[in-house]
Amino acid sequence: MNDFKEMNFDDFNFNPFTKIGKEWMLITAGTKDKINTMTASWGSLGVMWGKNVAFTFIRPQRYTKEFIDNNETFSLCFFTEEFKKDLSYLGSVSGKDEDKISKTNLTSDFINNTPYFVEASLVFICKKLYMQNITSNGFIIPELNSKWYENNDYHTMYVSEIQKIYSK
């Protein structure tokens, strides 16, 4: 973490529409024995239950979900444009089938037992608070359900406290 500086939440300026929706992020969890990561372009940030939180969404077939479910914390890592190809690869290959991280230009490390990537420009350390499966009966606009969940593989939503923000 030598290149990173811990940020104060009050000084943090972040456009989630660009950072999450267009530039993407990596959701990473695991232990020193084994980690996994996935690329995500869905998510949100806000305040809930008096805490600064991140909302992340993971489909049941994603291998990373096992790591999120089995660990108390995880990281959200954001990168500069030069790593877009790596993020694309990590989003298209399963860590269940291969050591996909080793095939990228990324290096994992740990902050207080939470994995992150050294090459990230911004890192959130998150602690899970709540999880809920999205279901078909929650849709007010049925077309969203049929468009995004044709296979009924509904995301699990995680509400997590952002405990620390680190920036380069």
Protein backbone atom coordinates (compact mmCIF):
# COMPACT_ATOMS: atom_id res chain seq x y z
CA MET A 1 0.00 0.00 0.00
CA ASN A 2 3.04 2.25 -0.24
CA ASP A 3 1.64 4.12 -3.25
CA PHE A 4 -1.82 4.52 -1.71
CA LYS A 5 -3.11 7.22 0.58
CA GLU A 6 -6.15 6.68 2.81
CA MET A 7 -8.87 9.16 1.90
CA ASN A 8 -11.28 10.97 4.15
CA PHE A 9 -14.89 10.33 3.08
CA ASP A 10 -15.66 14.06 3.23
CA ASP A 11 -12.89 14.80 0.72
CA PHE A 12 -13.82 12.01 -1.67
CA ASN A 13 -15.14 13.02 -5.10
CA PHE A 14 -16.35 10.16 -7.31
CA ASN A 15 -18.69 9.80 -10.26
CA PRO A 16 -20.24 6.31 -9.93
CA PHE A 17 -21.94 6.54 -13.33
CA THR A 18 -18.56 6.78 -15.02
CA LYS A 19 -16.40 4.75 -12.65
CA ILE A 20 -18.77 1.78 -12.29
CA GLY A 21 -20.87 1.90 -15.44
CA LYS A 22 -18.24 2.80 -18.03
CA GLU A 23 -14.80 2.15 -16.55
CA TRP A 24 -15.87 -0.92 -14.50
CA MET A 25 -14.52 -2.28 -11.25
CA LEU A 26 -13.19 -5.53 -9.87
CA ILE A 27 -14.98 -7.21 -6.97
CA THR A 28 -12.37 -9.31 -5.15
CA ALA A 29 -12.58 -11.60 -2.13
CA GLY A 30 -10.76 -14.52 -0.60
CA THR A 31 -8.00 -15.51 1.75
CA LYS A 32 -4.23 -15.68 1.47
CA ASP A 33 -4.71 -19.26 0.25
CA LYS A 34 -7.03 -18.38 -2.65
CA ILE A 35 -8.76 -15.31 -4.05
CA ASN A 36 -11.06 -14.67 -6.96
CA THR A 37 -12.19 -11.56 -8.74
CA MET A 38 -14.82 -10.51 -11.24
CA THR A 39 -15.43 -7.46 -13.36
CA ALA A 40 -18.61 -5.54 -12.63
CA SER A 41 -20.38 -2.65 -14.32
CA TRP A 42 -23.44 -2.69 -12.06
CA GLY A 43 -23.40 -1.21 -8.59
CA SER A 44 -24.13 1.82 -6.49
CA LEU A 45 -22.83 3.90 -3.60
CA GLY A 46 -24.73 5.76 -0.93
CA VAL A 47 -25.65 6.03 2.72
CA MET A 48 -27.75 3.46 4.54
CA TRP A 49 -28.17 2.63 8.22
CA GLY A 50 -25.92 5.58 9.04
CA LYS A 51 -23.02 4.09 7.10
CA ASN A 52 -21.28 4.82 3.78
CA VAL A 53 -22.19 1.79 1.68
CA ALA A 54 -21.64 0.08 -1.64
CA PHE A 55 -24.32 -1.99 -3.34
CA THR A 56 -22.89 -4.83 -5.39
CA PHE A 57 -24.74 -7.40 -7.47
CA ILE A 58 -23.51 -10.90 -8.26
CA ARG A 59 -25.22 -13.65 -10.26
CA PRO A 60 -25.36 -17.14 -8.69
CA GLN A 61 -23.19 -18.77 -11.36
CA ARG A 62 -20.26 -16.42 -10.77
CA TYR A 63 -17.40 -18.18 -8.98
CA THR A 64 -16.57 -14.97 -7.09
CA LYS A 65 -19.93 -15.25 -5.29
CA GLU A 66 -18.57 -18.18 -3.25
CA PHE A 67 -15.67 -16.00 -2.11
CA ILE A 68 -17.95 -13.07 -1.23
CA ASP A 69 -20.31 -15.38 0.68
CA ASN A 70 -17.47 -17.03 2.61
CA ASN A 71 -15.63 -13.88 3.66
CA GLU A 72 -16.59 -10.92 5.80
CA THR A 73 -14.82 -8.34 3.63
CA PHE A 74 -13.97 -7.75 -0.02
CA SER A 75 -12.52 -4.98 -2.15
CA LEU A 76 -13.78 -2.89 -5.01
CA CYS A 77 -10.87 -1.83 -7.22
CA PHE A 78 -10.94 0.84 -9.91
CA PHE A 79 -8.30 1.25 -12.61
CA THR A 80 -7.04 3.61 -15.26
CA GLU A 81 -7.84 2.96 -18.91
CA GLU A 82 -4.58 1.07 -19.48
CA PHE A 83 -6.03 -1.92 -17.56
CA LYS A 84 -9.33 -2.14 -19.47
CA LYS A 85 -8.15 -5.21 -21.42
CA ASP A 86 -7.33 -6.99 -18.15
CA LEU A 87 -10.74 -6.13 -16.70
CA SER A 88 -12.41 -7.38 -19.87
CA TYR A 89 -10.53 -10.68 -19.62
CA LEU A 90 -11.33 -11.09 -15.92
CA GLY A 91 -15.01 -10.55 -16.71
CA SER A 92 -15.12 -13.14 -19.47
CA VAL A 93 -13.25 -16.11 -17.90
CA SER A 94 -14.08 -18.04 -14.73
CA GLY A 95 -11.53 -18.44 -11.96
CA LYS A 96 -13.05 -21.88 -11.43
CA ASP A 97 -11.61 -23.00 -14.78
CA GLU A 98 -8.17 -21.36 -14.63
CA ASP A 99 -5.92 -19.05 -12.64
CA LYS A 100 -7.23 -16.08 -14.59
CA ILE A 101 -5.47 -13.43 -12.49
CA SER A 102 -2.07 -14.84 -13.50
CA LYS A 103 -2.94 -14.17 -17.15
CA THR A 104 -3.30 -10.42 -16.55
CA ASN A 105 -0.95 -7.57 -15.72
CA LEU A 106 -2.42 -7.36 -12.21
CA THR A 107 -0.83 -8.22 -8.87
CA SER A 108 -2.90 -9.07 -5.82
CA ASP A 109 -1.98 -8.11 -2.27
CA PHE A 110 -3.82 -7.79 1.05
CA ILE A 111 -4.93 -4.97 3.31
CA ASN A 112 -5.87 -6.40 6.71
CA ASN A 113 -6.73 -9.80 5.18
CA THR A 114 -8.75 -8.30 2.31
CA PRO A 115 -7.39 -8.84 -1.21
CA TYR A 116 -6.96 -5.93 -3.61
CA PHE A 117 -4.86 -5.14 -6.69
CA VAL A 118 -1.67 -3.11 -6.47
CA GLU A 119 -2.24 -1.57 -9.92
CA ALA A 120 -5.63 -0.10 -8.97
CA SER A 121 -5.90 3.67 -8.79
CA LEU A 122 -8.67 3.50 -6.18
CA VAL A 123 -9.59 0.79 -3.64
CA PHE A 124 -12.64 0.45 -1.39
CA ILE A 125 -12.43 -2.02 1.49
CA CYS A 126 -15.97 -3.23 2.16
CA LYS A 127 -17.57 -5.20 4.98
CA LYS A 128 -20.79 -7.07 4.22
CA LEU A 129 -23.86 -5.91 6.14
CA TYR A 130 -26.82 -7.40 4.27
CA MET A 131 -27.65 -9.59 1.30
CA GLN A 132 -30.88 -10.16 -0.56
CA ASN A 133 -31.72 -12.13 -3.68
CA ILE A 134 -33.50 -10.23 -6.41
CA THR A 135 -36.75 -11.97 -7.34
CA SER A 136 -39.19 -11.71 -10.24
CA ASN A 137 -42.03 -10.49 -8.02
CA GLY A 138 -40.11 -7.33 -7.11
CA PHE A 139 -40.19 -5.91 -10.64
CA ILE A 140 -42.59 -3.03 -11.17
CA ILE A 141 -41.66 -2.95 -14.86
CA PRO A 142 -41.93 -6.58 -16.06
CA GLU A 143 -39.83 -5.89 -19.17
CA LEU A 144 -36.76 -5.43 -16.98
CA ASN A 145 -37.22 -8.93 -15.61
CA SER A 146 -37.60 -10.50 -19.06
CA LYS A 147 -34.70 -8.47 -20.52
CA TRP A 148 -32.11 -9.08 -17.80
CA TYR A 149 -33.22 -12.41 -16.30
CA GLU A 150 -34.24 -14.57 -19.22
CA ASN A 151 -32.59 -17.56 -17.46
CA ASN A 152 -33.96 -16.69 -14.00
CA ASP A 153 -30.37 -16.26 -12.74
CA TYR A 154 -31.21 -13.41 -10.40
CA HIS A 155 -28.42 -11.40 -8.81
CA THR A 156 -27.78 -11.36 -5.10
CA MET A 157 -27.54 -7.78 -3.86
CA TYR A 158 -24.97 -7.08 -1.15
CA VAL A 159 -25.08 -3.94 0.97
CA SER A 160 -21.61 -3.41 2.40
CA GLU A 161 -20.06 -0.75 4.56
CA ILE A 162 -17.16 1.01 2.86
CA GLN A 163 -14.66 0.88 5.70
CA LYS A 164 -11.69 2.51 3.96
CA ILE A 165 -10.93 4.29 0.70
CA TYR A 166 -7.39 4.27 -0.68
CA SER A 167 -6.25 6.33 -3.64
CA LYS A 168 -2.99 6.77 -5.54
